[in-house]
């Protein structure tokens, strides 16, 4: 058994958590929408065709914001196809995923679904095959109360109240050669700036997200970020980051260390943003929106075969990764990394929400289950609201193929002063040994150890499935604490995710 120490000091604050750090993403891709959130005739479906079992699981995640409708899909999307009478909506070829989009669900249906799950919309604009005019039409359709052509069109479609969408993505992954309408940084930066400038002529309070690189391994990273912001700094509020994680070499120790690369990615983008701020003699900080992230690699070959050999079907099974226990640990490490950077990282969208590389999986006409990654996301969304505290950590380290000096203990503390809770999120990266952590919280006075929830498994490749949905479940480890006077010891299992809560003694 290894040992580690962590000290959480009340005054060592690094940032306030924006609740939008626990957001998600719904794209018209595979079965995310159709037979995912929307399945008329399903035994749990409401009068609008939304699956009730899905809404119940989504509500449990307490997601405040959902990015929509893409993704690669959006760069060829005509938003007008998804409004008006469903029977009159055209079917379109989606070139991004080589499927047929029937447009049964559009912005009005999705907005209604979001209200049902208490989430707001983060609307992505097509700046690939379309541009400023289409963006302004959609903005008017969604946000203007009435009395103009587009707002009255919405009212005529049976939606009297505006959707009041406040945050907009100016395109998607526009540096990617796979993207319809792919552009150079200067071309995109100009288009993003002019689109955003026109949108803010309607509403200066809109929040706008510019595309950053599609990932830290893109050949133009971080030149793309600098050139884009050079054009759009005065207009945009956020710069996006995208990253996906994979264990293609079946090297768990290296896989669990990939959050170190995520931290480096975030800090590099912050540096570029601050460089442009200095260059422009600017007064505002550009914040970050990590609006696509997840593990994604399990079904790459079958996805490619489906798109190549069986194109133009409606809602095929695409990107339906079955997540393992070790994937849940990677998601936990990533969420801890996000919290560490909460002073500048304000939005993060787990990609995606249902069926497509998702925490929630449905069967058409059948049941539903929660994947391993559901639980660390739910825990941080539920207990990670408040002020992030800089942790002083002493932990043994290891080297792996891609990284050196990887701490076995990955952890962060969040203090929710309003609820009187100090919560420690911790991952033991050691796949062979349990760990005893000495937690020094003396600066919190009478706070004592209250409860401990853990995600543990002896099988790193264990999964939840429709037939066996409870293979990976959180367990209550309360009663495992030792210590007093502000220093408490807790033992966490090898390769485990842990949520440890401290509260004032008078509340216990």
Protein backbone atom coordinates (compact mmCIF):
# COMPACT_ATOMS: atom_id res chain seq x y z
CA UNK A 1 0.00 0.00 0.00
CA UNK A 2 1.34 3.41 -1.00
CA UNK A 3 0.90 6.66 0.93
CA UNK A 4 0.12 10.21 -0.14
CA UNK A 5 -0.64 13.53 1.49
CA UNK A 6 -2.91 16.38 0.44
CA UNK A 7 -3.44 19.74 2.11
CA UNK A 8 -6.44 21.91 1.30
CA UNK A 9 -6.11 25.48 2.55
CA UNK A 10 -9.25 27.63 2.72
CA UNK A 11 -7.52 30.73 1.33
CA UNK A 12 -5.70 29.01 -1.54
CA UNK A 13 -8.45 29.63 -4.09
CA UNK A 14 -7.76 29.11 -7.78
CA UNK A 15 -11.14 29.87 -9.32
CA UNK A 16 -14.89 29.67 -9.10
CA UNK A 17 -16.56 26.78 -10.87
CA UNK A 18 -18.94 27.79 -13.65
CA UNK A 19 -21.80 25.28 -13.66
CA UNK A 20 -21.45 25.07 -17.45
CA UNK A 21 -18.27 23.08 -16.87
CA UNK A 22 -20.64 20.08 -16.62
CA UNK A 23 -22.33 20.48 -19.99
CA UNK A 24 -22.86 18.03 -22.83
CA UNK A 25 -23.38 17.71 -26.57
CA UNK A 26 -26.16 16.43 -28.84
CA UNK A 27 -25.38 16.02 -32.53
CA UNK A 28 -27.50 14.66 -35.36
CA UNK A 29 -25.14 11.70 -35.56
CA UNK A 30 -26.01 8.01 -35.37
CA UNK A 31 -28.65 7.34 -32.71
CA UNK A 32 -28.02 10.35 -30.50
CA UNK A 33 -31.29 12.03 -31.50
CA UNK A 34 -33.36 9.33 -33.21
CA UNK A 35 -33.99 6.33 -30.90
CA UNK A 36 -31.90 8.28 -28.39
CA UNK A 37 -33.70 11.28 -26.93
CA UNK A 38 -36.53 11.00 -29.51
CA UNK A 39 -38.47 7.81 -30.16
CA UNK A 40 -42.21 8.18 -30.73
CA UNK A 41 -44.04 4.99 -29.83
CA UNK A 42 -41.54 3.97 -27.17
CA UNK A 43 -43.21 2.74 -23.99
CA UNK A 44 -41.82 5.73 -22.03
CA UNK A 45 -42.30 8.37 -24.75
CA UNK A 46 -44.32 11.49 -23.96
CA UNK A 47 -46.79 13.16 -26.33
CA UNK A 48 -43.88 14.85 -28.16
CA UNK A 49 -42.05 11.58 -28.75
CA UNK A 50 -39.31 12.13 -26.15
CA UNK A 51 -38.19 9.07 -24.21
CA UNK A 52 -39.00 9.50 -20.53
CA UNK A 53 -36.32 7.07 -19.38
CA UNK A 54 -33.69 9.16 -21.16
CA UNK A 55 -34.92 12.40 -19.64
CA UNK A 56 -34.80 10.83 -16.18
CA UNK A 57 -31.14 9.84 -16.60
CA UNK A 58 -30.20 13.21 -18.11
CA UNK A 59 -31.81 15.06 -15.20
CA UNK A 60 -29.70 12.99 -12.80
CA UNK A 61 -26.57 14.39 -14.47
CA UNK A 62 -27.82 17.96 -13.81
CA UNK A 63 -26.52 19.27 -17.13
CA UNK A 64 -26.92 23.05 -17.47
CA UNK A 65 -26.01 23.50 -21.15
CA UNK A 66 -26.14 21.31 -24.28
CA UNK A 67 -24.28 22.06 -27.51
CA UNK A 68 -26.41 21.45 -30.63
CA UNK A 69 -26.74 20.31 -33.50
CA UNK A 70 -23.07 19.51 -34.20
CA UNK A 71 -20.25 18.78 -34.60
CA UNK A 72 -19.29 17.93 -38.14
CA UNK A 73 -22.99 17.70 -38.98
CA UNK A 74 -23.51 21.44 -38.56
CA UNK A 75 -21.15 22.43 -41.40
CA UNK A 76 -23.65 21.16 -43.95
CA UNK A 77 -26.85 21.83 -42.03
CA UNK A 78 -29.73 23.97 -43.26
CA UNK A 79 -31.54 24.90 -40.07
CA UNK A 80 -34.71 25.80 -42.00
CA UNK A 81 -35.13 22.09 -42.85
CA UNK A 82 -35.93 21.38 -39.19
CA UNK A 83 -38.80 23.83 -38.64
CA UNK A 84 -42.44 23.93 -39.72
CA UNK A 85 -44.75 20.95 -40.24
CA UNK A 86 -42.79 17.72 -39.84
CA UNK A 87 -44.58 16.15 -42.80
CA UNK A 88 -43.26 18.91 -45.09
CA UNK A 89 -39.64 18.79 -43.93
CA UNK A 90 -37.13 17.60 -46.53
CA UNK A 91 -34.86 14.60 -46.16
CA UNK A 92 -31.23 15.54 -46.71
CA UNK A 93 -27.97 13.67 -47.21
CA UNK A 94 -25.61 14.33 -44.32
CA UNK A 95 -22.18 14.19 -45.93
CA UNK A 96 -20.33 14.39 -42.60
CA UNK A 97 -21.52 10.98 -41.40
CA UNK A 98 -22.91 9.62 -44.72
CA UNK A 99 -26.43 9.21 -43.35
CA UNK A 100 -29.92 10.41 -44.25
CA UNK A 101 -31.32 13.18 -42.04
CA UNK A 102 -35.13 13.17 -41.93
CA UNK A 103 -35.34 16.44 -39.92
CA UNK A 104 -38.12 15.15 -37.65
CA UNK A 105 -36.29 16.96 -34.84
CA UNK A 106 -35.17 20.56 -35.29
CA UNK A 107 -34.52 23.57 -33.11
CA UNK A 108 -38.06 23.90 -31.78
CA UNK A 109 -38.33 20.25 -30.75
CA UNK A 110 -34.86 20.29 -29.24
CA UNK A 111 -35.56 23.48 -27.30
CA UNK A 112 -38.67 21.87 -25.84
CA UNK A 113 -36.69 18.79 -24.85
CA UNK A 114 -34.04 20.98 -23.19
CA UNK A 115 -36.70 22.65 -21.08
CA UNK A 116 -37.85 19.21 -19.98
CA UNK A 117 -34.36 18.41 -18.68
CA UNK A 118 -33.65 21.90 -17.28
CA UNK A 119 -30.85 22.69 -19.74
CA UNK A 120 -30.07 25.65 -21.97
CA UNK A 121 -28.89 25.47 -25.58
CA UNK A 122 -25.43 26.25 -26.88
CA UNK A 123 -26.24 26.74 -30.57
CA UNK A 124 -23.65 25.90 -33.22
CA UNK A 125 -23.75 27.81 -36.51
CA UNK A 126 -22.95 26.55 -39.98
CA UNK A 127 -19.95 28.58 -41.09
CA UNK A 128 -18.86 25.84 -43.48
CA UNK A 129 -21.34 25.82 -46.35
CA UNK A 130 -23.21 28.90 -45.13
CA UNK A 131 -22.39 32.16 -43.37
CA UNK A 132 -23.51 35.49 -41.94
CA UNK A 133 -26.99 35.72 -43.43
CA UNK A 134 -28.02 32.24 -42.33
CA UNK A 135 -26.65 32.90 -38.84
CA UNK A 136 -28.63 36.14 -38.52
CA UNK A 137 -31.80 34.46 -39.75
CA UNK A 138 -31.44 31.71 -37.16
CA UNK A 139 -30.72 34.23 -34.42
CA UNK A 140 -33.83 36.21 -35.32
CA UNK A 141 -35.93 33.06 -35.54
CA UNK A 142 -34.76 31.83 -32.12
CA UNK A 143 -34.49 34.99 -30.07
CA UNK A 144 -36.72 37.79 -31.36
CA UNK A 145 -40.14 37.88 -29.65
CA UNK A 146 -42.30 38.73 -32.69
CA UNK A 147 -43.00 41.38 -35.31
CA UNK A 148 -40.26 40.46 -37.78
CA UNK A 149 -40.29 37.97 -40.62
CA UNK A 150 -38.24 35.25 -38.94
CA UNK A 151 -39.75 35.66 -35.46
CA UNK A 152 -43.27 35.59 -36.91
CA UNK A 153 -42.29 32.47 -38.83
CA UNK A 154 -41.45 30.80 -35.51
CA UNK A 155 -44.73 31.98 -34.01
CA UNK A 156 -46.50 30.58 -37.06
CA UNK A 157 -44.81 27.26 -36.35
CA UNK A 158 -46.57 27.16 -32.99
CA UNK A 159 -43.74 28.51 -30.80
CA UNK A 160 -44.90 31.81 -29.33
CA UNK A 161 -42.10 32.44 -26.83
CA UNK A 162 -38.53 32.98 -28.12
CA UNK A 163 -35.86 30.47 -27.18
CA UNK A 164 -33.49 33.20 -25.93
CA UNK A 165 -30.32 31.29 -26.76
CA UNK A 166 -27.44 33.23 -25.23
CA UNK A 167 -24.34 31.32 -26.28
CA UNK A 168 -23.39 30.53 -29.89
CA UNK A 169 -20.56 28.54 -31.48
CA UNK A 170 -19.16 30.20 -34.59
CA UNK A 171 -18.75 27.01 -36.61
CA UNK A 172 -17.10 23.71 -35.77
CA UNK A 173 -13.52 22.46 -36.23
CA UNK A 174 -12.94 24.77 -39.18
CA UNK A 175 -9.23 23.87 -39.31
CA UNK A 176 -10.06 20.24 -40.16
CA UNK A 177 -9.76 19.09 -43.77
CA UNK A 178 -12.67 16.72 -43.04
CA UNK A 179 -14.92 19.73 -42.38
CA UNK A 180 -17.19 20.99 -45.13
CA UNK A 181 -16.08 24.55 -45.82
CA UNK A 182 -12.66 24.01 -44.22
CA UNK A 183 -10.77 27.32 -44.03
CA UNK A 184 -7.40 28.77 -43.20
CA UNK A 185 -7.09 30.55 -39.87
CA UNK A 186 -7.24 33.99 -41.49
CA UNK A 187 -10.28 33.06 -43.59
CA UNK A 188 -12.08 31.62 -40.60
CA UNK A 189 -11.06 34.40 -38.23
CA UNK A 190 -12.46 37.04 -40.58
CA UNK A 191 -15.73 35.13 -41.07
CA UNK A 192 -16.10 34.48 -37.35
CA UNK A 193 -15.43 38.14 -36.53
CA UNK A 194 -17.89 39.49 -39.09
CA UNK A 195 -20.59 36.96 -38.17
CA UNK A 196 -20.15 37.69 -34.48
CA UNK A 197 -20.08 41.45 -35.05
CA UNK A 198 -23.40 41.29 -36.91
CA UNK A 199 -24.95 39.07 -34.22
CA UNK A 200 -23.91 41.47 -31.46
CA UNK A 201 -25.54 44.32 -33.36
CA UNK A 202 -28.78 42.54 -32.45
CA UNK A 203 -27.77 41.62 -28.88
CA UNK A 204 -24.44 42.80 -27.43
CA UNK A 205 -24.91 40.41 -24.50
CA UNK A 206 -24.59 37.28 -26.66
CA UNK A 207 -21.67 35.01 -25.76
CA UNK A 208 -19.69 33.80 -28.78
CA UNK A 209 -17.29 30.87 -29.07
CA UNK A 210 -14.62 30.84 -31.79
CA UNK A 211 -13.16 27.58 -33.10
CA UNK A 212 -9.76 26.68 -31.80
CA UNK A 213 -7.73 23.82 -33.22
CA UNK A 214 -9.55 20.51 -33.53
CA UNK A 215 -6.97 19.04 -31.17
CA UNK A 216 -3.48 19.67 -29.79
CA UNK A 217 -1.94 17.39 -32.44
CA UNK A 218 -3.15 19.46 -35.39
CA UNK A 219 -0.18 20.70 -37.45
CA UNK A 220 -1.33 24.31 -37.16
CA UNK A 221 -1.79 24.29 -33.36
CA UNK A 222 -1.25 26.90 -31.77
CA UNK A 223 -0.71 29.13 -34.80
CA UNK A 224 -4.40 28.63 -35.66
CA UNK A 225 -5.46 29.99 -32.26
CA UNK A 226 -3.23 33.04 -32.59
CA UNK A 227 -4.31 33.92 -36.15
CA UNK A 228 -8.00 33.35 -35.41
CA UNK A 229 -7.93 35.55 -32.33
CA UNK A 230 -5.87 38.14 -34.16
CA UNK A 231 -8.96 38.65 -36.32
CA UNK A 232 -11.72 38.00 -33.78
CA UNK A 233 -10.39 38.98 -30.33
CA UNK A 234 -12.60 42.07 -30.01
CA UNK A 235 -15.76 40.10 -30.87
CA UNK A 236 -15.56 36.65 -29.31
CA UNK A 237 -15.72 35.66 -25.67
CA UNK A 238 -14.46 32.05 -25.72
CA UNK A 239 -12.06 29.91 -27.70
CA UNK A 240 -12.94 26.25 -28.12
CA UNK A 241 -10.82 23.17 -27.42
CA UNK A 242 -11.53 19.60 -28.55
CA UNK A 243 -9.76 16.43 -27.40
CA UNK A 244 -10.51 12.71 -27.33
CA UNK A 245 -8.62 10.00 -25.45
CA UNK A 246 -7.70 6.48 -26.53
CA UNK A 247 -5.94 3.39 -25.20
CA UNK A 248 -5.08 1.80 -28.55
CA UNK A 249 -1.91 0.18 -27.21
CA UNK A 250 -3.63 -1.30 -24.16
CA UNK A 251 -1.25 0.53 -21.84
CA UNK A 252 -3.39 1.48 -18.84
CA UNK A 253 -0.68 3.38 -16.97
CA UNK A 254 -0.09 5.65 -19.99
CA UNK A 255 -3.83 5.97 -20.60
CA UNK A 256 -4.45 7.16 -17.05
CA UNK A 257 -1.76 9.81 -17.50
CA UNK A 258 -3.33 11.43 -20.59
CA UNK A 259 -4.94 14.14 -18.46
CA UNK A 260 -1.45 15.62 -18.11
CA UNK A 261 -1.54 16.31 -21.84
CA UNK A 262 -5.00 17.87 -21.39
CA UNK A 263 -3.64 20.19 -18.71
CA UNK A 264 -0.75 21.18 -20.99
CA UNK A 265 -3.20 21.76 -23.85
CA UNK A 266 -5.35 24.07 -21.73
CA UNK A 267 -2.40 26.06 -20.42
CA UNK A 268 -0.94 26.48 -23.91
CA UNK A 269 -4.24 27.85 -25.25
CA UNK A 270 -4.46 30.24 -22.29
CA UNK A 271 -0.95 31.47 -23.13
CA UNK A 272 -1.95 32.14 -26.74
CA UNK A 273 -5.09 33.98 -25.65
CA UNK A 274 -3.06 36.15 -23.30
CA UNK A 275 -0.46 36.83 -26.00
CA UNK A 276 -3.17 38.19 -28.33
CA UNK A 277 -4.64 40.19 -25.46
CA UNK A 278 -1.23 41.81 -24.95
CA UNK A 279 -0.75 42.35 -28.67
CA UNK A 280 -4.16 44.04 -28.95
CA UNK A 281 -3.65 46.02 -25.74
CA UNK A 282 -6.88 44.35 -24.73
CA UNK A 283 -8.72 44.56 -21.45
CA UNK A 284 -10.68 41.29 -21.49
CA UNK A 285 -9.51 37.73 -20.95
CA UNK A 286 -10.65 35.19 -23.53
CA UNK A 287 -12.18 32.29 -21.63
CA UNK A 288 -12.08 28.68 -22.78
CA UNK A 289 -14.85 26.33 -23.91
CA UNK A 290 -13.76 22.67 -24.01
CA UNK A 291 -16.86 21.87 -26.01
CA UNK A 292 -15.91 18.35 -27.15
CA UNK A 293 -14.15 15.81 -24.98
CA UNK A 294 -14.43 12.12 -24.13
CA UNK A 295 -12.85 8.72 -24.62
CA UNK A 296 -13.32 7.55 -28.21
CA UNK A 297 -11.62 4.60 -29.87
CA UNK A 298 -13.44 1.34 -29.20
CA UNK A 299 -15.41 0.96 -32.44
CA UNK A 300 -13.42 2.93 -35.00
CA UNK A 301 -13.16 0.10 -37.56
CA UNK A 302 -16.85 -0.81 -37.47
CA UNK A 303 -17.86 2.86 -37.74
CA UNK A 304 -15.75 3.26 -40.86
CA UNK A 305 -17.25 0.13 -42.39
CA UNK A 306 -20.82 1.30 -41.67
CA UNK A 307 -20.26 4.66 -43.34
CA UNK A 308 -18.48 3.18 -46.36
CA UNK A 309 -20.57 0.06 -47.02
CA UNK A 310 -23.99 1.07 -45.69
CA UNK A 311 -24.39 4.81 -46.38
CA UNK A 312 -27.52 6.98 -46.39
CA UNK A 313 -29.51 5.17 -43.71
CA UNK A 314 -31.43 6.94 -40.95
CA UNK A 315 -29.86 6.84 -37.47
CA UNK A 316 -27.45 3.90 -37.91
CA UNK A 317 -25.34 2.67 -35.02
CA UNK A 318 -22.27 4.91 -35.18
CA UNK A 319 -19.65 5.74 -32.55
CA UNK A 320 -21.36 3.54 -29.96
CA UNK A 321 -18.37 2.85 -27.76
CA UNK A 322 -18.90 0.52 -24.82
CA UNK A 323 -16.94 2.09 -22.00
CA UNK A 324 -14.73 0.20 -19.60
CA UNK A 325 -13.90 0.84 -15.98
CA UNK A 326 -10.54 2.36 -16.96
CA UNK A 327 -12.38 4.78 -19.27
CA UNK A 328 -14.28 6.01 -16.21
CA UNK A 329 -10.97 6.69 -14.46
CA UNK A 330 -9.75 8.72 -17.45
CA UNK A 331 -12.98 10.73 -17.41
CA UNK A 332 -12.48 11.32 -13.68
CA UNK A 333 -8.88 12.52 -14.21
CA UNK A 334 -10.08 14.82 -16.99
CA UNK A 335 -12.78 16.36 -14.81
CA UNK A 336 -10.21 16.99 -12.08
CA UNK A 337 -8.02 18.70 -14.68
CA UNK A 338 -10.94 20.89 -15.74
CA UNK A 339 -11.54 21.93 -12.14
CA UNK A 340 -7.86 22.80 -11.74
CA UNK A 341 -8.24 25.26 -14.63
CA UNK A 342 -11.64 26.65 -13.60
CA UNK A 343 -10.31 30.21 -13.47
CA UNK A 344 -10.25 30.27 -17.30
CA UNK A 345 -12.09 27.13 -18.38
CA UNK A 346 -15.78 27.99 -18.03
CA UNK A 347 -17.57 25.58 -20.37
CA UNK A 348 -16.95 21.90 -21.10
CA UNK A 349 -19.22 19.59 -23.10
CA UNK A 350 -18.97 15.84 -22.71
CA UNK A 351 -19.35 14.46 -26.23
CA UNK A 352 -21.90 13.13 -26.54
CA UNK A 353 -24.93 12.61 -24.31
CA UNK A 354 -26.89 9.62 -25.64
CA UNK A 355 -25.73 6.50 -27.55
CA UNK A 356 -22.92 8.23 -29.49
CA UNK A 357 -19.73 7.95 -27.34
CA UNK A 358 -22.10 8.61 -24.48
CA UNK A 359 -22.75 7.95 -20.78
CA UNK A 360 -26.35 6.91 -21.55
CA UNK A 361 -27.25 4.07 -23.94
CA UNK A 362 -30.69 3.09 -25.19
CA UNK A 363 -32.08 0.18 -27.15
CA UNK A 364 -34.68 1.05 -29.81
CA UNK A 365 -38.04 0.00 -28.45
CA UNK A 366 -36.34 -1.32 -25.32
CA UNK A 367 -34.35 -0.44 -22.25
CA UNK A 368 -31.62 1.92 -21.14
CA UNK A 369 -28.42 1.68 -19.12
CA UNK A 370 -25.71 3.93 -17.75
CA UNK A 371 -22.13 3.42 -18.82
CA UNK A 372 -19.13 3.51 -16.49
CA UNK A 373 -18.35 7.13 -17.40
CA UNK A 374 -21.81 8.23 -16.21
CA UNK A 375 -20.78 8.10 -12.57
CA UNK A 376 -17.68 10.34 -12.29
CA UNK A 377 -19.44 12.91 -14.47
CA UNK A 378 -22.54 12.78 -12.26
CA UNK A 379 -20.46 13.08 -9.09
CA UNK A 380 -18.52 16.13 -10.23
CA UNK A 381 -21.64 17.79 -11.64
CA UNK A 382 -23.44 17.23 -8.34
CA UNK A 383 -20.66 17.90 -5.85
CA UNK A 384 -18.18 20.03 -7.82
CA UNK A 385 -19.93 23.39 -7.53
CA UNK A 386 -18.17 26.11 -5.58
CA UNK A 387 -14.59 27.37 -5.20
CA UNK A 388 -11.63 25.32 -6.38
CA UNK A 389 -8.80 25.08 -3.87
CA UNK A 390 -5.20 24.62 -4.95
CA UNK A 391 -4.08 21.26 -3.54
CA UNK A 392 -0.65 20.71 -2.06
CA UNK A 393 -0.02 17.05 -2.88
CA UNK A 394 2.77 14.69 -1.94
CA UNK A 395 2.56 11.46 -3.92
CA UNK A 396 4.91 8.90 -5.37
CA UNK A 397 5.22 8.99 -9.14
CA UNK A 398 5.78 6.74 -12.12
CA UNK A 399 7.08 6.95 -15.67
CA UNK A 400 5.30 5.56 -18.73
CA UNK A 401 5.68 5.58 -22.49
CA UNK A 402 4.40 9.14 -23.02
CA UNK A 403 4.98 10.84 -19.67
CA UNK A 404 7.48 11.07 -16.83
CA UNK A 405 6.81 11.84 -13.17
CA UNK A 406 3.11 11.01 -13.25
CA UNK A 407 1.69 11.30 -9.70
CA UNK A 408 -0.21 8.23 -8.59
CA UNK A 409 -2.64 10.55 -6.79
CA UNK A 410 -4.67 12.90 -9.00
CA UNK A 411 -6.88 15.11 -6.85
CA UNK A 412 -8.60 18.45 -6.39
CA UNK A 413 -10.75 20.06 -3.70
CA UNK A 414 -13.92 22.12 -4.17
CA UNK A 415 -15.41 24.15 -1.31
CA UNK A 416 -19.12 24.81 -1.48
CA UNK A 417 -19.39 27.39 1.28
CA UNK A 418 -23.14 27.79 0.80
CA UNK A 419 -23.78 24.10 1.52
CA UNK A 420 -20.99 23.78 4.06
CA UNK A 421 -19.20 21.08 2.08
CA UNK A 422 -15.56 20.54 1.24
CA UNK A 423 -15.33 17.82 -1.42
CA UNK A 424 -12.17 16.03 -2.48
CA UNK A 425 -12.17 14.28 -5.87
CA UNK A 426 -9.36 11.73 -6.14
CA UNK A 427 -8.13 9.09 -8.58
CA UNK A 428 -5.58 6.46 -7.61
CA UNK A 429 -3.63 5.84 -10.84
CA UNK A 430 -1.79 2.94 -9.25
CA UNK A 431 -3.25 -0.18 -10.91
CA UNK A 432 -1.52 -2.53 -8.45
CA UNK A 433 -1.80 -1.04 -4.96
CA UNK A 434 -4.28 0.74 -2.76
CA UNK A 435 -3.34 4.10 -1.26
CA UNK A 436 -3.71 5.75 2.13
CA UNK A 437 -4.21 9.50 1.84
CA UNK A 438 -3.57 11.88 4.72
CA UNK A 439 -5.96 14.83 4.23
CA UNK A 440 -4.96 18.03 6.02
CA UNK A 441 -7.95 20.38 6.25
CA UNK A 442 -6.99 22.18 9.49
CA UNK A 443 -7.74 25.61 8.01
CA UNK A 444 -11.44 24.65 7.93
CA UNK A 445 -11.63 24.46 11.71
CA UNK A 446 -14.35 22.08 12.87
CA UNK A 447 -14.80 20.29 9.52
CA UNK A 448 -14.79 16.52 9.84
CA UNK A 449 -14.89 13.59 7.44
CA UNK A 450 -18.54 12.93 6.48
CA UNK A 451 -18.79 10.40 3.64
CA UNK A 452 -16.86 8.63 0.90
CA UNK A 453 -18.22 7.35 -2.43
CA UNK A 454 -15.99 5.25 -4.67
CA UNK A 455 -15.97 3.56 -8.05
CA UNK A 456 -13.89 0.39 -7.83
CA UNK A 457 -13.31 -2.75 -9.87
CA UNK A 458 -10.79 -5.57 -10.00
CA UNK A 459 -11.34 -5.71 -13.76
CA UNK A 460 -10.10 -2.63 -15.63
CA UNK A 461 -11.96 -3.82 -18.74
CA UNK A 462 -15.29 -4.33 -16.98
CA UNK A 463 -18.33 -2.74 -18.64
CA UNK A 464 -21.99 -2.11 -18.04
CA UNK A 465 -24.36 -3.50 -20.66
CA UNK A 466 -28.09 -3.63 -21.28
CA UNK A 467 -28.17 -7.17 -19.85
CA UNK A 468 -25.79 -6.37 -16.98
CA UNK A 469 -26.28 -2.67 -16.22
CA UNK A 470 -24.92 -2.77 -12.65
CA UNK A 471 -21.47 -4.30 -13.12
CA UNK A 472 -19.91 -0.89 -12.36
CA UNK A 473 -21.71 1.08 -9.68
CA UNK A 474 -20.60 3.58 -7.01
CA UNK A 475 -20.23 2.16 -3.52
CA UNK A 476 -20.63 3.89 -0.17
CA UNK A 477 -17.34 3.68 1.74
CA UNK A 478 -18.40 5.72 4.76
CA UNK A 479 -16.77 4.65 7.98
CA UNK A 480 -13.31 4.26 6.44
CA UNK A 481 -11.84 7.42 8.00
CA UNK A 482 -9.29 7.74 10.80
CA UNK A 483 -7.85 10.83 12.48
CA UNK A 484 -8.92 14.02 14.21
CA UNK A 485 -8.10 17.72 14.66
CA UNK A 486 -8.24 18.48 10.95
CA UNK A 487 -6.10 15.61 9.66
CA UNK A 488 -7.91 12.54 8.40
CA UNK A 489 -6.70 9.39 6.76
CA UNK A 490 -8.66 7.49 4.16
CA UNK A 491 -7.69 4.46 2.14
CA UNK A 492 -8.66 4.30 -1.50
CA UNK A 493 -8.54 1.20 -3.66
CA UNK A 494 -6.10 0.58 -6.48
CA UNK A 495 -7.20 2.17 -9.77
CA UNK A 496 -10.23 3.89 -8.26
CA UNK A 497 -12.38 7.02 -8.48
CA UNK A 498 -13.26 8.64 -5.15
CA UNK A 499 -15.46 11.45 -3.83
CA UNK A 500 -14.73 12.35 -0.20
CA UNK A 501 -16.79 14.95 1.66
CA UNK A 502 -15.96 16.93 4.78
CA UNK A 503 -18.57 18.93 6.70
CA UNK A 504 -18.75 21.03 9.89
CA UNK A 505 -19.08 18.77 12.92
CA UNK A 506 -22.30 20.50 13.99
CA UNK A 507 -23.97 19.35 10.76
CA UNK A 508 -22.91 15.71 11.09
